[in-house]
C-alpha atoms as a PDB file:
ATOM      1  CA  MET A   1      73.689  70.860 -10.801  1.00  0.00           C
ATOM      2  CA  ASN A   2      73.681  71.431  -6.698  1.00  0.00           C
ATOM      3  CA  ASP A   3      72.312  68.472  -5.000  1.00  0.00           C
ATOM      4  CA  ARG A   4      68.896  68.800  -3.195  1.00  0.00           C
ATOM      5  CA  PRO A   5      69.075  67.891   0.530  1.00  0.00           C
ATOM      6  CA  GLU A   6      66.936  64.995   0.147  1.00  0.00           C
ATOM      7  CA  GLU A   7      69.469  63.786  -2.247  1.00  0.00           C
ATOM      8  CA  THR A   8      72.612  63.500   0.529  1.00  0.00           C
ATOM      9  CA  LYS A   9      70.265  61.175   2.786  1.00  0.00           C
ATOM     10  CA  GLY A  10      71.610  57.623   2.833  1.00  0.00           C
ATOM     11  CA  ARG A  11      75.162  58.443   0.992  1.00  0.00           C
ATOM     12  CA  ALA A  12      78.056  58.589   3.326  1.00  0.00           C
ATOM     13  CA  LEU A  13      79.480  61.718   4.159  1.00  0.00           C
ATOM     14  CA  THR A  14      83.444  62.289   3.235  1.00  0.00           C
ATOM     15  CA  LYS A  15      84.696  64.837   5.086  1.00  0.00           C
ATOM     16  CA  ILE A  16      87.902  66.520   4.582  1.00  0.00           C
ATOM     17  CA  ASP A  17      90.253  68.643   6.367  1.00  0.00           C
ATOM     18  CA  ALA A  18      91.197  71.152   4.291  1.00  0.00           C
ATOM     19  CA  HIS A  19      93.796  72.650   6.211  1.00  0.00           C
ATOM     20  CA  GLN A  20      96.593  70.994   8.741  1.00  0.00           C
ATOM     21  CA  HIS A  21     100.412  70.672   9.264  1.00  0.00           C
ATOM     22  CA  PHE A  22     103.201  68.426   9.965  1.00  0.00           C
ATOM     23  CA  TRP A  23     106.672  69.269  11.186  1.00  0.00           C
ATOM     24  CA  HIS A  24     109.674  68.707  12.616  1.00  0.00           C
ATOM     25  CA  PRO A  25     111.465  71.628  14.661  1.00  0.00           C
ATOM     26  CA  ALA A  26     114.628  69.905  14.221  1.00  0.00           C
ATOM     27  CA  ARG A  27     114.635  70.800  10.578  1.00  0.00           C
ATOM     28  CA  GLY A  28     115.457  74.175  11.018  1.00  0.00           C
ATOM     29  CA  ASP A  29     113.230  75.955   9.267  1.00  0.00           C
ATOM     30  CA  TYR A  30     110.292  77.013  11.162  1.00  0.00           C
ATOM     31  CA  GLY A  31     111.452  80.764  12.468  1.00  0.00           C
ATOM     32  CA  TRP A  32     108.083  81.729  13.542  1.00  0.00           C
ATOM     33  CA  LEU A  33     107.669  78.673  16.093  1.00  0.00           C
ATOM     34  CA  PRO A  34     107.975  80.002  19.961  1.00  0.00           C
ATOM     35  CA  VAL A  35     111.320  78.416  21.423  1.00  0.00           C
ATOM     36  CA  ASN A  36     110.262  75.771  24.027  1.00  0.00           C
ATOM     37  CA  ASP A  37     106.400  76.194  23.683  1.00  0.00           C
ATOM     38  CA  PRO A  38     104.424  73.280  25.461  1.00  0.00           C
ATOM     39  CA  VAL A  39     102.333  72.843  22.586  1.00  0.00           C
ATOM     40  CA  LEU A  40     104.047  73.879  19.446  1.00  0.00           C
ATOM     41  CA  SER A  41     107.784  73.266  19.753  1.00  0.00           C
ATOM     42  CA  ARG A  42     107.216  69.126  19.372  1.00  0.00           C
ATOM     43  CA  PRO A  43     107.261  67.236  16.042  1.00  0.00           C
ATOM     44  CA  TYR A  44     103.863  66.738  14.638  1.00  0.00           C
ATOM     45  CA  LEU A  45     103.675  63.590  12.133  1.00  0.00           C
ATOM     46  CA  PRO A  46     101.026  61.447  10.588  1.00  0.00           C
ATOM     47  CA  ALA A  47     101.070  58.776  13.458  1.00  0.00           C
ATOM     48  CA  ASP A  48      99.698  62.228  15.808  1.00  0.00           C
ATOM     49  CA  LEU A  49      96.707  63.115  13.450  1.00  0.00           C
ATOM     50  CA  ALA A  50      95.330  59.621  12.727  1.00  0.00           C
ATOM     51  CA  PRO A  51      93.551  59.023  15.693  1.00  0.00           C
ATOM     52  CA  ALA A  52      91.840  62.257  15.660  1.00  0.00           C
ATOM     53  CA  LEU A  53      91.119  61.675  11.879  1.00  0.00           C
ATOM     54  CA  GLU A  54      89.676  58.735  12.701  1.00  0.00           C
ATOM     55  CA  ALA A  55      87.322  59.869  15.458  1.00  0.00           C
ATOM     56  CA  ALA A  56      86.171  62.364  13.523  1.00  0.00           C
ATOM     57  CA  ASN A  57      85.560  60.091  10.086  1.00  0.00           C
ATOM     58  CA  VAL A  58      87.775  62.447   8.174  1.00  0.00           C
ATOM     59  CA  SER A  59      88.665  60.768   5.461  1.00  0.00           C
ATOM     60  CA  ARG A  60      91.607  62.932   3.765  1.00  0.00           C
ATOM     61  CA  THR A  61      93.579  66.040   4.651  1.00  0.00           C
ATOM     62  CA  VAL A  62      94.962  69.139   2.549  1.00  0.00           C
ATOM     63  CA  LEU A  63      98.611  69.588   4.003  1.00  0.00           C
ATOM     64  CA  VAL A  64      99.564  72.766   3.929  1.00  0.00           C
ATOM     65  CA  GLN A  65     103.424  74.828   4.336  1.00  0.00           C
ATOM     66  CA  ALA A  66     104.322  76.173   7.763  1.00  0.00           C
ATOM     67  CA  ALA A  67     108.045  76.697   6.741  1.00  0.00           C
ATOM     68  CA  PRO A  68     109.360  79.338   4.226  1.00  0.00           C
ATOM     69  CA  THR A  69     111.279  77.013   2.178  1.00  0.00           C
ATOM     70  CA  ALA A  70     110.893  74.584  -0.817  1.00  0.00           C
ATOM     71  CA  PHE A  71     112.920  72.154   1.138  1.00  0.00           C
ATOM     72  CA  GLU A  72     109.850  71.848   3.461  1.00  0.00           C
ATOM     73  CA  THR A  73     107.475  71.379   0.822  1.00  0.00           C
ATOM     74  CA  GLU A  74     110.039  68.447  -0.424  1.00  0.00           C
ATOM     75  CA  TYR A  75     109.644  66.957   2.847  1.00  0.00           C
ATOM     76  CA  LEU A  76     105.771  67.168   3.179  1.00  0.00           C
ATOM     77  CA  LEU A  77     105.541  65.830  -0.610  1.00  0.00           C
ATOM     78  CA  GLY A  78     107.642  63.002   1.117  1.00  0.00           C
ATOM     79  CA  LEU A  79     104.902  62.685   4.153  1.00  0.00           C
ATOM     80  CA  ALA A  80     102.107  62.646   1.597  1.00  0.00           C
ATOM     81  CA  ASP A  81     103.668  60.036  -0.708  1.00  0.00           C
ATOM     82  CA  ALA A  82     103.644  57.828   2.103  1.00  0.00           C
ATOM     83  CA  THR A  83     100.578  58.392   3.906  1.00  0.00           C
ATOM     84  CA  ASP A  84      97.205  57.730   1.886  1.00  0.00           C
ATOM     85  CA  LEU A  85      95.570  60.169   4.161  1.00  0.00           C
ATOM     86  CA  VAL A  86      96.949  63.244   2.861  1.00  0.00           C
ATOM     87  CA  ALA A  87      95.087  64.080  -0.713  1.00  0.00           C
ATOM     88  CA  GLY A  88      97.458  67.088  -1.380  1.00  0.00           C
ATOM     89  CA  VAL A  89      99.985  69.633  -0.169  1.00  0.00           C
ATOM     90  CA  VAL A  90      99.757  73.558  -0.224  1.00  0.00           C
ATOM     91  CA  GLY A  91     103.650  74.235  -0.508  1.00  0.00           C
ATOM     92  CA  TRP A  92     106.108  77.044  -0.893  1.00  0.00           C
ATOM     93  CA  ILE A  93     108.531  78.852  -3.311  1.00  0.00           C
ATOM     94  CA  ASN A  94     110.557  82.083  -3.010  1.00  0.00           C
ATOM     95  CA  PHE A  95     108.394  84.561  -5.141  1.00  0.00           C
ATOM     96  CA  GLU A  96     111.538  87.152  -4.722  1.00  0.00           C
ATOM     97  CA  ARG A  97     113.512  85.001  -7.315  1.00  0.00           C
ATOM     98  CA  PRO A  98     112.366  84.193 -10.886  1.00  0.00           C
ATOM     99  CA  GLU A  99     114.466  81.889 -11.470  1.00  0.00           C
ATOM    100  CA  GLU A 100     112.314  79.526  -8.992  1.00  0.00           C
ATOM    101  CA  ILE A 101     110.094  79.069 -12.063  1.00  0.00           C
ATOM    102  CA  ASP A 102     112.058  75.877 -12.830  1.00  0.00           C
ATOM    103  CA  THR A 103     111.405  74.672  -9.093  1.00  0.00           C
ATOM    104  CA  LEU A 104     107.780  75.453  -9.476  1.00  0.00           C
ATOM    105  CA  ARG A 105     107.347  73.555 -12.659  1.00  0.00           C
ATOM    106  CA  ARG A 106     109.130  70.537 -11.206  1.00  0.00           C
ATOM    107  CA  LEU A 107     106.782  70.685  -7.948  1.00  0.00           C
ATOM    108  CA  ALA A 108     103.605  71.056 -10.160  1.00  0.00           C
ATOM    109  CA  ALA A 109     104.350  67.689 -11.762  1.00  0.00           C
ATOM    110  CA  HIS A 110     103.925  66.170  -8.583  1.00  0.00           C
ATOM    111  CA  PRO A 111     100.573  64.323  -8.412  1.00  0.00           C
ATOM    112  CA  LYS A 112      99.525  65.478  -4.616  1.00  0.00           C
ATOM    113  CA  PHE A 113     101.005  69.023  -5.244  1.00  0.00           C
ATOM    114  CA  LEU A 114      98.061  71.437  -5.067  1.00  0.00           C
ATOM    115  CA  GLY A 115      99.568  75.243  -4.907  1.00  0.00           C
ATOM    116  CA  LEU A 116     101.230  77.613  -3.147  1.00  0.00           C
ATOM    117  CA  ARG A 117     101.048  79.563   0.387  1.00  0.00           C
ATOM    118  CA  PRO A 118     103.508  82.503   0.693  1.00  0.00           C
ATOM    119  CA  MET A 119     103.618  83.542   4.401  1.00  0.00           C
ATOM    120  CA  ILE A 120     102.362  86.753   4.118  1.00  0.00           C
ATOM    121  CA  GLN A 121     101.032  87.711   7.235  1.00  0.00           C
ATOM    122  CA  ASP A 122     105.025  87.740   8.364  1.00  0.00           C
ATOM    123  CA  ILE A 123     106.024  89.890   5.750  1.00  0.00           C
ATOM    124  CA  ALA A 124     106.381  93.671   6.996  1.00  0.00           C
ATOM    125  CA  ASP A 125     105.295  95.284   3.877  1.00  0.00           C
ATOM    126  CA  ASP A 126     101.311  94.678   3.863  1.00  0.00           C
ATOM    127  CA  GLY A 127     101.258  95.245   0.133  1.00  0.00           C
ATOM    128  CA  TRP A 128     103.955  92.742  -0.989  1.00  0.00           C
ATOM    129  CA  MET A 129     101.668  90.467  -3.202  1.00  0.00           C
ATOM    130  CA  LEU A 130     101.412  93.741  -5.539  1.00  0.00           C
ATOM    131  CA  ARG A 131     105.094  94.631  -6.041  1.00  0.00           C
ATOM    132  CA  PRO A 132     105.429  93.946 -10.292  1.00  0.00           C
ATOM    133  CA  GLU A 133     108.685  91.888  -9.589  1.00  0.00           C
ATOM    134  CA  HIS A 134     106.188  88.870  -8.026  1.00  0.00           C
ATOM    135  CA  ASP A 135     103.829  89.330 -11.170  1.00  0.00           C
ATOM    136  CA  TRP A 136     106.183  86.145 -12.641  1.00  0.00           C
ATOM    137  CA  ALA A 137     104.591  83.598  -9.544  1.00  0.00           C
ATOM    138  CA  PHE A 138     101.307  84.978  -9.899  1.00  0.00           C
ATOM    139  CA  ARG A 139     101.139  84.392 -13.418  1.00  0.00           C
ATOM    140  CA  ALA A 140     102.548  80.897 -13.046  1.00  0.00           C
ATOM    141  CA  ILE A 141      99.655  79.791 -10.632  1.00  0.00           C
ATOM    142  CA  CYS A 142      97.505  80.506 -13.214  1.00  0.00           C
ATOM    143  CA  ASP A 143      99.324  78.994 -16.122  1.00  0.00           C
ATOM    144  CA  LEU A 144      99.825  76.219 -14.388  1.00  0.00           C
ATOM    145  CA  ASP A 145      96.749  75.815 -13.025  1.00  0.00           C
ATOM    146  CA  LEU A 146      97.540  75.810  -9.212  1.00  0.00           C
ATOM    147  CA  THR A 147      96.013  77.450  -6.180  1.00  0.00           C
ATOM    148  CA  PHE A 148      96.937  80.316  -4.013  1.00  0.00           C
ATOM    149  CA  ASP A 149      96.446  80.138  -0.029  1.00  0.00           C
ATOM    150  CA  ALA A 150      95.728  84.006   1.262  1.00  0.00           C
ATOM    151  CA  LEU A 151      97.046  83.974   4.630  1.00  0.00           C
ATOM    152  CA  GLY A 152      96.902  87.303   5.984  1.00  0.00           C
ATOM    153  CA  PHE A 153      95.004  89.429   8.471  1.00  0.00           C
ATOM    154  CA  PRO A 154      92.428  91.722   8.009  1.00  0.00           C
ATOM    155  CA  ARG A 155      94.608  94.741   7.000  1.00  0.00           C
ATOM    156  CA  HIS A 156      95.568  92.623   4.125  1.00  0.00           C
ATOM    157  CA  ILE A 157      92.114  92.620   2.712  1.00  0.00           C
ATOM    158  CA  GLU A 158      92.516  95.497   0.178  1.00  0.00           C
ATOM    159  CA  TYR A 159      95.496  93.998  -1.028  1.00  0.00           C
ATOM    160  CA  PHE A 160      94.233  91.008  -1.375  1.00  0.00           C
ATOM    161  CA  SER A 161      91.154  92.400  -3.331  1.00  0.00           C
ATOM    162  CA  ALA A 162      93.227  94.299  -5.567  1.00  0.00           C
ATOM    163  CA  LEU A 163      95.333  90.694  -6.343  1.00  0.00           C
ATOM    164  CA  LEU A 164      92.226  88.730  -7.326  1.00  0.00           C
ATOM    165  CA  SER A 165      91.309  91.598  -9.235  1.00  0.00           C
ATOM    166  CA  ARG A 166      94.694  91.301 -11.175  1.00  0.00           C
ATOM    167  CA  TYR A 167      94.539  87.626 -11.758  1.00  0.00           C
ATOM    168  CA  PRO A 168      90.738  86.545 -12.048  1.00  0.00           C
ATOM    169  CA  SER A 169      91.741  83.518 -13.254  1.00  0.00           C
ATOM    170  CA  MET A 170      93.769  82.380 -10.090  1.00  0.00           C
ATOM    171  CA  ARG A 171      92.149  79.813  -8.013  1.00  0.00           C
ATOM    172  CA  VAL A 172      92.148  81.490  -4.353  1.00  0.00           C
ATOM    173  CA  VAL A 173      90.968  80.676  -0.851  1.00  0.00           C
ATOM    174  CA  LEU A 174      91.471  82.972   2.140  1.00  0.00           C
ATOM    175  CA  ASP A 175      92.975  81.234   4.743  1.00  0.00           C
ATOM    176  CA  HIS A 176      91.287  81.255   8.566  1.00  0.00           C
ATOM    177  CA  CYS A 177      88.573  83.700   7.531  1.00  0.00           C
ATOM    178  CA  LEU A 178      91.652  86.596   7.228  1.00  0.00           C
ATOM    179  CA  LYS A 179      92.324  86.001  10.850  1.00  0.00           C
ATOM    180  CA  PRO A 180      89.493  88.462  12.207  1.00  0.00           C
ATOM    181  CA  THR A 181      90.465  89.817  15.928  1.00  0.00           C
ATOM    182  CA  ILE A 182      87.786  87.877  17.911  1.00  0.00           C
ATOM    183  CA  THR A 183      89.443  89.123  21.141  1.00  0.00           C
ATOM    184  CA  ASP A 184      88.697  92.569  20.541  1.00  0.00           C
ATOM    185  CA  GLU A 185      84.984  92.453  21.076  1.00  0.00           C
ATOM    186  CA  SER A 186      83.819  95.881  19.750  1.00  0.00           C
ATOM    187  CA  PRO A 187      81.830  96.344  17.001  1.00  0.00           C
ATOM    188  CA  GLU A 188      84.009  98.540  14.829  1.00  0.00           C
ATOM    189  CA  SER A 189      86.542  95.489  14.436  1.00  0.00           C
ATOM    190  CA  PHE A 190      83.716  93.286  13.241  1.00  0.00           C
ATOM    191  CA  ASP A 191      82.138  95.576  11.133  1.00  0.00           C
ATOM    192  CA  GLU A 192      85.369  96.403   9.262  1.00  0.00           C
ATOM    193  CA  TRP A 193      86.326  92.741   8.889  1.00  0.00           C
ATOM    194  CA  ALA A 194      83.181  91.554   7.993  1.00  0.00           C
ATOM    195  CA  ARG A 195      82.507  94.605   5.368  1.00  0.00           C
ATOM    196  CA  GLY A 196      86.254  93.790   3.696  1.00  0.00           C
ATOM    197  CA  ILE A 197      85.134  90.221   3.687  1.00  0.00           C
ATOM    198  CA  ALA A 198      81.849  90.799   2.059  1.00  0.00           C
ATOM    199  CA  ARG A 199      83.946  92.990  -0.795  1.00  0.00           C
ATOM    200  CA  ILE A 200      86.132  89.729  -1.258  1.00  0.00           C
ATOM    201  CA  ALA A 201      83.135  87.611  -1.553  1.00  0.00           C
ATOM    202  CA  SER A 202      81.046  89.650  -4.165  1.00  0.00           C
ATOM    203  CA  GLY A 203      83.910  90.636  -6.076  1.00  0.00           C
ATOM    204  CA  THR A 204      85.677  88.047  -6.629  1.00  0.00           C
ATOM    205  CA  GLY A 205      85.440  84.133  -6.984  1.00  0.00           C
ATOM    206  CA  ALA A 206      87.581  83.603  -3.922  1.00  0.00           C
ATOM    207  CA  TYR A 207      86.793  80.958  -1.522  1.00  0.00           C
ATOM    208  CA  CYS A 208      86.922  80.989   2.324  1.00  0.00           C
ATOM    209  CA  LYS A 209      88.366  78.239   4.756  1.00  0.00           C
ATOM    210  CA  LEU A 210      86.106  78.075   8.222  1.00  0.00           C
ATOM    211  CA  SER A 211      89.192  77.676  10.070  1.00  0.00           C
ATOM    212  CA  GLY A 212      91.699  79.250  12.656  1.00  0.00           C
ATOM    213  CA  LEU A 213      89.258  80.947  14.569  1.00  0.00           C
ATOM    214  CA  VAL A 214      89.883  79.381  17.695  1.00  0.00           C
ATOM    215  CA  THR A 215      93.038  80.759  17.395  1.00  0.00           C
ATOM    216  CA  GLU A 216      92.059  83.948  17.216  1.00  0.00           C
ATOM    217  CA  ALA A 217      89.734  83.994  20.210  1.00  0.00           C
ATOM    218  CA  LYS A 218      90.319  83.873  24.085  1.00  0.00           C
ATOM    219  CA  ASP A 219      91.836  81.195  26.031  1.00  0.00           C
ATOM    220  CA  ASP A 220      87.932  80.957  27.984  1.00  0.00           C
ATOM    221  CA  TRP A 221      86.521  81.037  24.501  1.00  0.00           C
ATOM    222  CA  ARG A 222      82.936  79.923  23.669  1.00  0.00           C
ATOM    223  CA  ARG A 223      81.210  78.733  20.699  1.00  0.00           C
ATOM    224  CA  GLU A 224      79.110  82.072  20.863  1.00  0.00           C
ATOM    225  CA  ASP A 225      82.479  84.037  20.287  1.00  0.00           C
ATOM    226  CA  LEU A 226      82.933  82.253  16.882  1.00  0.00           C
ATOM    227  CA  ALA A 227      79.193  82.052  15.755  1.00  0.00           C
ATOM    228  CA  TYR A 228      78.980  85.868  14.329  1.00  0.00           C
ATOM    229  CA  TYR A 229      82.208  85.424  12.270  1.00  0.00           C
ATOM    230  CA  SER A 230      81.211  81.885  10.825  1.00  0.00           C
ATOM    231  CA  ALA A 231      77.419  82.756  10.040  1.00  0.00           C
ATOM    232  CA  HIS A 232      79.046  85.891   8.022  1.00  0.00           C
ATOM    233  CA  VAL A 233      81.487  83.808   6.150  1.00  0.00           C
ATOM    234  CA  LEU A 234      78.515  81.341   5.447  1.00  0.00           C
ATOM    235  CA  GLU A 235      76.647  83.997   4.273  1.00  0.00           C
ATOM    236  CA  VAL A 236      78.512  86.281   1.976  1.00  0.00           C
ATOM    237  CA  PHE A 237      80.134  83.404   0.564  1.00  0.00           C
ATOM    238  CA  GLY A 238      77.964  80.455   0.523  1.00  0.00           C
ATOM    239  CA  PRO A 239      78.425  76.643   1.246  1.00  0.00           C
ATOM    240  CA  ASP A 240      79.572  76.374  -2.362  1.00  0.00           C
ATOM    241  CA  ARG A 241      83.122  78.605  -1.254  1.00  0.00           C
ATOM    242  CA  VAL A 242      83.470  77.766   2.132  1.00  0.00           C
ATOM    243  CA  MET A 243      85.485  74.898   3.038  1.00  0.00           C
ATOM    244  CA  TRP A 244      86.239  73.343   6.870  1.00  0.00           C
ATOM    245  CA  GLY A 245      89.974  73.096   7.915  1.00  0.00           C
ATOM    246  CA  SER A 246      91.065  72.086  11.679  1.00  0.00           C
ATOM    247  CA  ASP A 247      94.370  74.641  11.240  1.00  0.00           C
ATOM    248  CA  TRP A 248      95.929  71.232  13.349  1.00  0.00           C
ATOM    249  CA  PRO A 249      98.011  71.290  15.529  1.00  0.00           C
ATOM    250  CA  VAL A 250      97.911  75.050  15.917  1.00  0.00           C
ATOM    251  CA  CYS A 251      94.364  75.054  16.988  1.00  0.00           C
ATOM    252  CA  ARG A 252      95.665  72.954  19.995  1.00  0.00           C
ATOM    253  CA  LEU A 253      96.444  76.309  21.496  1.00  0.00           C
ATOM    254  CA  ARG A 254      93.148  76.889  22.500  1.00  0.00           C
ATOM    255  CA  CYS A 255      91.476  72.825  22.338  1.00  0.00           C
ATOM    256  CA  GLU A 256      92.022  69.411  20.593  1.00  0.00           C
ATOM    257  CA  TYR A 257      90.802  68.615  17.258  1.00  0.00           C
ATOM    258  CA  GLU A 258      87.706  66.739  18.178  1.00  0.00           C
ATOM    259  CA  THR A 259      86.471  70.044  20.212  1.00  0.00           C
ATOM    260  CA  TRP A 260      86.984  72.016  17.376  1.00  0.00           C
ATOM    261  CA  HIS A 261      85.288  69.880  14.714  1.00  0.00           C
ATOM    262  CA  GLU A 262      82.650  69.265  17.058  1.00  0.00           C
ATOM    263  CA  THR A 263      82.144  73.254  17.398  1.00  0.00           C
ATOM    264  CA  ALA A 264      82.352  73.636  13.400  1.00  0.00           C
ATOM    265  CA  LEU A 265      79.669  70.866  13.242  1.00  0.00           C
ATOM    266  CA  SER A 266      77.790  73.046  15.736  1.00  0.00           C
ATOM    267  CA  LEU A 267      78.622  76.258  13.661  1.00  0.00           C
ATOM    268  CA  VAL A 268      77.021  74.879  10.742  1.00  0.00           C
ATOM    269  CA  SER A 269      74.271  72.286  11.838  1.00  0.00           C
ATOM    270  CA  HIS A 270      71.059  74.777  10.613  1.00  0.00           C
ATOM    271  CA  LEU A 271      72.363  74.223   7.384  1.00  0.00           C
ATOM    272  CA  SER A 272      70.907  71.588   4.887  1.00  0.00           C
ATOM    273  CA  GLU A 273      72.621  68.146   4.790  1.00  0.00           C
ATOM    274  CA  ALA A 274      73.738  69.068   1.300  1.00  0.00           C
ATOM    275  CA  ASP A 275      75.468  72.548   2.285  1.00  0.00           C
ATOM    276  CA  GLN A 276      76.956  70.563   5.096  1.00  0.00           C
ATOM    277  CA  ALA A 277      78.399  68.064   3.190  1.00  0.00           C
ATOM    278  CA  ARG A 278      80.079  71.102   1.204  1.00  0.00           C
ATOM    279  CA  ILE A 279      81.535  72.527   3.985  1.00  0.00           C
ATOM    280  CA  LEU A 280      83.071  69.334   5.585  1.00  0.00           C
ATOM    281  CA  GLY A 281      84.161  68.173   2.205  1.00  0.00           C
ATOM    282  CA  GLY A 282      82.554  68.644  -1.041  1.00  0.00           C
ATOM    283  CA  THR A 283      83.837  72.109  -1.353  1.00  0.00           C
ATOM    284  CA  ALA A 284      87.801  71.470  -0.668  1.00  0.00           C
ATOM    285  CA  GLU A 285      87.330  68.827  -3.051  1.00  0.00           C
ATOM    286  CA  GLN A 286      85.985  70.847  -5.890  1.00  0.00           C
ATOM    287  CA  PHE A 287      88.451  73.712  -5.039  1.00  0.00           C
ATOM    288  CA  TYR A 288      91.597  71.491  -4.887  1.00  0.00           C
ATOM    289  CA  ARG A 289      90.734  69.066  -7.618  1.00  0.00           C
ATOM    290  CA  LEU A 290      91.090  66.306  -5.215  1.00  0.00           C
ATOM    291  CA  GLY A 291      89.328  63.578  -7.370  1.00  0.00           C
END
């Protein structure tokens, strides 16, 4: 049973950042990182994030892969083991190698391993996830009761819809609201994304991360630029299927952790206390089964 708003009064709000990254470029497997970028091309480790989490009163995080290697997943699990703030890790394996089922089973035995995120946004074939030769991986996600983070763009909506219909029992969350093109202020761009997102929300059991929006906006973004998108996600998914994430340190391309956190709070401030609590922690805790 869902809490009524009055039931949350006096209760400490447990905030969970449902999407953040750590990386060390010297590891050599972050092919997407730009060379000599003043924001991204540097190590980001737990000690760098801890002050921002404390200031925002965020108690736990979900650490998400940023390199297409199982070695990076092992690295992230090591950081998670040494960092109480990290509640779990979303990792990576090679979907094109069925023999990696053994790797996936081994990773799934780790208490902080939550699920997988193939970097679909960087794959040339938009329909990659529907190839029959990848079925083994999606079946394994279901069989091992893992999660699937869907990383893509609006052009992937139809393919994700088909994938979710094929695997209705798979626990799926759309990363970054599927990255709407906020810099394109035409009504057509918004409407196409909004219709697709609504179809996924109504036709599947997928969840959605309220994250990454600032990075898709202009350098001089305003809260109002994001409000149309967040309002639509909240309407079609509902607070029970929306979770907030920082996408730190990628968010630093537009603003610091504190600014995006405060903006997100304002975007959900019209909701009841109970619904805000779900978005800021409860939904992620339930979806990822953080315990």
